[in-house]
PDB file of N, CA and C in Angstrom:
ATOM      1  N   MET A   1     -66.639-127.215-115.814  1.00  0.00           N
ATOM      2  CA  MET A   1     -66.271-126.464-114.627  1.00  0.00           C
ATOM      3  C   MET A   1     -64.804-126.691-114.265  1.00  0.00           C
ATOM      4  N   ALA A   2     -64.379-127.935-114.312  1.00  0.00           N
ATOM      5  CA  ALA A   2     -62.990-128.246-113.971  1.00  0.00           C
ATOM      6  C   ALA A   2     -62.031-127.626-114.987  1.00  0.00           C
ATOM      7  N   LYS A   3     -62.477-127.577-116.244  1.00  0.00           N
ATOM      8  CA  LYS A   3     -61.639-126.999-117.290  1.00  0.00           C
ATOM      9  C   LYS A   3     -61.459-125.493-117.062  1.00  0.00           C
ATOM     10  N   ALA A   4     -62.522-124.808-116.673  1.00  0.00           N
ATOM     11  CA  ALA A   4     -62.458-123.372-116.402  1.00  0.00           C
ATOM     12  C   ALA A   4     -61.542-123.093-115.219  1.00  0.00           C
ATOM     13  N   LYS A   5     -61.616-123.948-114.215  1.00  0.00           N
ATOM     14  CA  LYS A   5     -60.757-123.800-113.036  1.00  0.00           C
ATOM     15  C   LYS A   5     -59.284-123.957-113.427  1.00  0.00           C
ATOM     16  N   LYS A   6     -59.003-124.928-114.271  1.00  0.00           N
ATOM     17  CA  LYS A   6     -57.636-125.174-114.710  1.00  0.00           C
ATOM     18  C   LYS A   6     -57.116-123.995-115.542  1.00  0.00           C
ATOM     19  N   ILE A   7     -57.963-123.462-116.418  1.00  0.00           N
ATOM     20  CA  ILE A   7     -57.569-122.311-117.242  1.00  0.00           C
ATOM     21  C   ILE A   7     -57.305-121.097-116.366  1.00  0.00           C
ATOM     22  N   ALA A   8     -58.167-120.867-115.373  1.00  0.00           N
ATOM     23  CA  ALA A   8     -57.978-119.742-114.464  1.00  0.00           C
ATOM     24  C   ALA A   8     -56.683-119.894-113.669  1.00  0.00           C
ATOM     25  N   LEU A   9     -56.385-121.101-113.242  1.00  0.00           N
ATOM     26  CA  LEU A   9     -55.154-121.357-112.498  1.00  0.00           C
ATOM     27  C   LEU A   9     -53.924-121.078-113.366  1.00  0.00           C
ATOM     28  N   TYR A  10     -53.968-121.522-114.619  1.00  0.00           N
ATOM     29  CA  TYR A  10     -52.862-121.247-115.542  1.00  0.00           C
ATOM     30  C   TYR A  10     -52.713-119.741-115.785  1.00  0.00           C
ATOM     31  N   ALA A  11     -53.827-119.041-115.931  1.00  0.00           N
ATOM     32  CA  ALA A  11     -53.784-117.594-116.154  1.00  0.00           C
ATOM     33  C   ALA A  11     -53.149-116.877-114.963  1.00  0.00           C
ATOM     34  N   VAL A  12     -53.529-117.285-113.765  1.00  0.00           N
ATOM     35  CA  VAL A  12     -52.946-116.678-112.560  1.00  0.00           C
ATOM     36  C   VAL A  12     -51.452-116.985-112.493  1.00  0.00           C
ATOM     37  N   GLY A  13     -51.070-118.209-112.805  1.00  0.00           N
ATOM     38  CA  GLY A  13     -49.649-118.585-112.799  1.00  0.00           C
ATOM     39  C   GLY A  13     -48.838-117.769-113.798  1.00  0.00           C
ATOM     40  N   ILE A  14     -49.384-117.597-115.001  1.00  0.00           N
ATOM     41  CA  ILE A  14     -48.695-116.799-116.018  1.00  0.00           C
ATOM     42  C   ILE A  14     -48.578-115.352-115.566  1.00  0.00           C
ATOM     43  N   PHE A  15     -49.646-114.815-114.968  1.00  0.00           N
ATOM     44  CA  PHE A  15     -49.612-113.437-114.472  1.00  0.00           C
ATOM     45  C   PHE A  15     -48.554-113.264-113.392  1.00  0.00           C
ATOM     46  N   VAL A  16     -48.496-114.216-112.463  1.00  0.00           N
ATOM     47  CA  VAL A  16     -47.498-114.138-111.389  1.00  0.00           C
ATOM     48  C   VAL A  16     -46.084-114.205-111.961  1.00  0.00           C
ATOM     49  N   ALA A  17     -45.850-115.122-112.887  1.00  0.00           N
ATOM     50  CA  ALA A  17     -44.528-115.238-113.505  1.00  0.00           C
ATOM     51  C   ALA A  17     -44.160-113.953-114.239  1.00  0.00           C
ATOM     52  N   TYR A  18     -45.096-113.387-114.982  1.00  0.00           N
ATOM     53  CA  TYR A  18     -44.850-112.133-115.704  1.00  0.00           C
ATOM     54  C   TYR A  18     -44.508-111.006-114.733  1.00  0.00           C
ATOM     55  N   THR A  19     -45.269-110.922-113.651  1.00  0.00           N
ATOM     56  CA  THR A  19     -45.033-109.863-112.664  1.00  0.00           C
ATOM     57  C   THR A  19     -43.657-110.001-112.023  1.00  0.00           C
ATOM     58  N   ILE A  20     -43.269-111.223-111.695  1.00  0.00           N
ATOM     59  CA  ILE A  20     -41.968-111.447-111.063  1.00  0.00           C
ATOM     60  C   ILE A  20     -40.835-111.084-112.030  1.00  0.00           C
ATOM     61  N   ILE A  21     -40.980-111.468-113.280  1.00  0.00           N
ATOM     62  CA  ILE A  21     -39.941-111.174-114.272  1.00  0.00           C
ATOM     63  C   ILE A  21     -39.898-109.689-114.596  1.00  0.00           C
ATOM     64  N   HIS A  22     -41.057-109.074-114.724  1.00  0.00           N
ATOM     65  CA  HIS A  22     -41.144-107.674-115.139  1.00  0.00           C
ATOM     66  C   HIS A  22     -40.711-106.722-114.027  1.00  0.00           C
ATOM     67  N   SER A  23     -41.077-107.018-112.778  1.00  0.00           N
ATOM     68  CA  SER A  23     -40.789-106.112-111.668  1.00  0.00           C
ATOM     69  C   SER A  23     -40.469-106.905-110.393  1.00  0.00           C
ATOM     70  N   PRO A  24     -39.255-107.446-110.310  1.00  0.00           N
ATOM     71  CA  PRO A  24     -38.918-108.280-109.148  1.00  0.00           C
ATOM     72  C   PRO A  24     -38.917-107.520-107.816  1.00  0.00           C
ATOM     73  N   ALA A  25     -38.532-106.257-107.832  1.00  0.00           N
ATOM     74  CA  ALA A  25     -38.500-105.491-106.582  1.00  0.00           C
ATOM     75  C   ALA A  25     -39.909-105.306-106.033  1.00  0.00           C
ATOM     76  N   ARG A  26     -40.842-104.970-106.905  1.00  0.00           N
ATOM     77  CA  ARG A  26     -42.233-104.784-106.484  1.00  0.00           C
ATOM     78  C   ARG A  26     -42.832-106.114-106.034  1.00  0.00           C
ATOM     79  N   SER A  27     -42.481-107.197-106.706  1.00  0.00           N
ATOM     80  CA  SER A  27     -42.978-108.519-106.328  1.00  0.00           C
ATOM     81  C   SER A  27     -42.493-108.891-104.935  1.00  0.00           C
ATOM     82  N   ALA A  28     -41.224-108.621-104.655  1.00  0.00           N
ATOM     83  CA  ALA A  28     -40.671-108.914-103.336  1.00  0.00           C
ATOM     84  C   ALA A  28     -41.375-108.084-102.264  1.00  0.00           C
ATOM     85  N   GLU A  29     -41.680-106.839-102.604  1.00  0.00           N
ATOM     86  CA  GLU A  29     -42.396-105.971-101.687  1.00  0.00           C
ATOM     87  C   GLU A  29     -43.775-106.548-101.350  1.00  0.00           C
ATOM     88  N   LEU A  30     -44.487-107.013-102.377  1.00  0.00           N
ATOM     89  CA  LEU A  30     -45.822-107.571-102.175  1.00  0.00           C
ATOM     90  C   LEU A  30     -45.772-108.847-101.345  1.00  0.00           C
ATOM     91  N   VAL A  31     -44.770-109.678-101.567  1.00  0.00           N
ATOM     92  CA  VAL A  31     -44.633-110.903-100.781  1.00  0.00           C
ATOM     93  C   VAL A  31     -44.352-110.551 -99.321  1.00  0.00           C
ATOM     94  N   GLN A  32     -43.493-109.570 -99.106  1.00  0.00           N
ATOM     95  CA  GLN A  32     -43.187-109.144 -97.741  1.00  0.00           C
ATOM     96  C   GLN A  32     -44.442-108.623 -97.048  1.00  0.00           C
ATOM     97  N   ILE A  33     -45.235-107.825 -97.753  1.00  0.00           N
ATOM     98  CA  ILE A  33     -46.478-107.300 -97.174  1.00  0.00           C
ATOM     99  C   ILE A  33     -47.416-108.453 -96.826  1.00  0.00           C
ATOM    100  N   GLY A  34     -47.487-109.450 -97.699  1.00  0.00           N
ATOM    101  CA  GLY A  34     -48.340-110.611 -97.443  1.00  0.00           C
ATOM    102  C   GLY A  34     -47.913-111.369 -96.203  1.00  0.00           C
ATOM    103  N   PHE A  35     -46.605-111.611 -96.075  1.00  0.00           N
ATOM    104  CA  PHE A  35     -46.115-112.336 -94.908  1.00  0.00           C
ATOM    105  C   PHE A  35     -46.289-111.526 -93.630  1.00  0.00           C
ATOM    106  N   GLU A  36     -46.139-110.212 -93.711  1.00  0.00           N
ATOM    107  CA  GLU A  36     -46.376-109.372 -92.533  1.00  0.00           C
ATOM    108  C   GLU A  36     -47.841-109.465 -92.105  1.00  0.00           C
ATOM    109  N   GLY A  37     -48.739-109.494 -93.080  1.00  0.00           N
ATOM    110  CA  GLY A  37     -50.158-109.625 -92.774  1.00  0.00           C
ATOM    111  C   GLY A  37     -50.467-110.947 -92.098  1.00  0.00           C
ATOM    112  N   ILE A  38     -49.883-112.026 -92.604  1.00  0.00           N
ATOM    113  CA  ILE A  38     -50.083-113.347 -92.002  1.00  0.00           C
ATOM    114  C   ILE A  38     -49.517-113.372 -90.591  1.00  0.00           C
ATOM    115  N   SER A  39     -48.343-112.773 -90.413  1.00  0.00           N
ATOM    116  CA  SER A  39     -47.717-112.733 -89.098  1.00  0.00           C
ATOM    117  C   SER A  39     -48.570-111.938 -88.104  1.00  0.00           C
ATOM    118  N   ASP A  40     -49.077-110.802 -88.540  1.00  0.00           N
ATOM    119  CA  ASP A  40     -49.924-109.988 -87.666  1.00  0.00           C
ATOM    120  C   ASP A  40     -51.200-110.738 -87.294  1.00  0.00           C
ATOM    121  N   ALA A  41     -51.768-111.446 -88.268  1.00  0.00           N
ATOM    122  CA  ALA A  41     -52.986-112.216 -87.983  1.00  0.00           C
ATOM    123  C   ALA A  41     -52.700-113.316 -86.967  1.00  0.00           C
ATOM    124  N   ALA A  42     -51.576-114.003 -87.112  1.00  0.00           N
ATOM    125  CA  ALA A  42     -51.223-115.064 -86.174  1.00  0.00           C
ATOM    126  C   ALA A  42     -50.996-114.497 -84.774  1.00  0.00           C
ATOM    127  N   LYS A  43     -50.357-113.343 -84.685  1.00  0.00           N
ATOM    128  CA  LYS A  43     -50.151-112.706 -83.382  1.00  0.00           C
ATOM    129  C   LYS A  43     -51.484-112.337 -82.742  1.00  0.00           C
ATOM    130  N   SER A  44     -52.403-111.829 -83.553  1.00  0.00           N
ATOM    131  CA  SER A  44     -53.712-111.446 -83.033  1.00  0.00           C
ATOM    132  C   SER A  44     -54.484-112.656 -82.521  1.00  0.00           C
ATOM    133  N   VAL A  45     -54.423-113.758 -83.249  1.00  0.00           N
ATOM    134  CA  VAL A  45     -55.101-114.981 -82.804  1.00  0.00           C
ATOM    135  C   VAL A  45     -54.479-115.468 -81.506  1.00  0.00           C
ATOM    136  N   GLY A  46     -53.157-115.430 -81.405  1.00  0.00           N
ATOM    137  CA  GLY A  46     -52.482-115.831 -80.180  1.00  0.00           C
ATOM    138  C   GLY A  46     -52.870-114.960 -79.005  1.00  0.00           C
ATOM    139  N   GLU A  47     -52.947-113.665 -79.251  1.00  0.00           N
ATOM    140  CA  GLU A  47     -53.348-112.727 -78.206  1.00  0.00           C
ATOM    141  C   GLU A  47     -54.790-113.003 -77.758  1.00  0.00           C
ATOM    142  N   PHE A  48     -55.666-113.260 -78.719  1.00  0.00           N
ATOM    143  CA  PHE A  48     -57.064-113.581 -78.417  1.00  0.00           C
ATOM    144  C   PHE A  48     -57.162-114.833 -77.564  1.00  0.00           C
ATOM    145  N   MET A  49     -56.420-115.861 -77.949  1.00  0.00           N
ATOM    146  CA  MET A  49     -56.453-117.121 -77.184  1.00  0.00           C
ATOM    147  C   MET A  49     -55.926-116.923 -75.772  1.00  0.00           C
ATOM    148  N   THR A  50     -54.881-116.104 -75.640  1.00  0.00           N
ATOM    149  CA  THR A  50     -54.321-115.817 -74.328  1.00  0.00           C
ATOM    150  C   THR A  50     -55.347-115.102 -73.458  1.00  0.00           C
ATOM    151  N   GLN A  51     -56.081-114.170 -74.031  1.00  0.00           N
ATOM    152  CA  GLN A  51     -57.105-113.449 -73.286  1.00  0.00           C
ATOM    153  C   GLN A  51     -58.253-114.362 -72.888  1.00  0.00           C
ATOM    154  N   LEU A  52     -58.569-115.344 -73.730  1.00  0.00           N
ATOM    155  CA  LEU A  52     -59.626-116.311 -73.381  1.00  0.00           C
ATOM    156  C   LEU A  52     -59.222-117.152 -72.170  1.00  0.00           C
ATOM    157  N   ILE A  53     -57.962-117.529 -72.119  1.00  0.00           N
ATOM    158  CA  ILE A  53     -57.468-118.374 -71.030  1.00  0.00           C
ATOM    159  C   ILE A  53     -57.425-117.582 -69.723  1.00  0.00           C
ATOM    160  N   ASN A  54     -57.024-116.321 -69.792  1.00  0.00           N
ATOM    161  CA  ASN A  54     -56.908-115.506 -68.572  1.00  0.00           C
ATOM    162  C   ASN A  54     -58.247-115.082 -68.184  1.00  0.00           C
TER     163      ASN A  54
END
């Protein structure tokens, strides 16, 4: 099981490296979308907590 996990991790790492090298503009776009999603989620949690307090 641990060996399969390690192989999968290496495969994902190789895929990410290939994607970054092959298409850096698209990779940057995807990272930006990811960070925007995280930011929106954090804002929503903050808003929820504020509403709980009020």
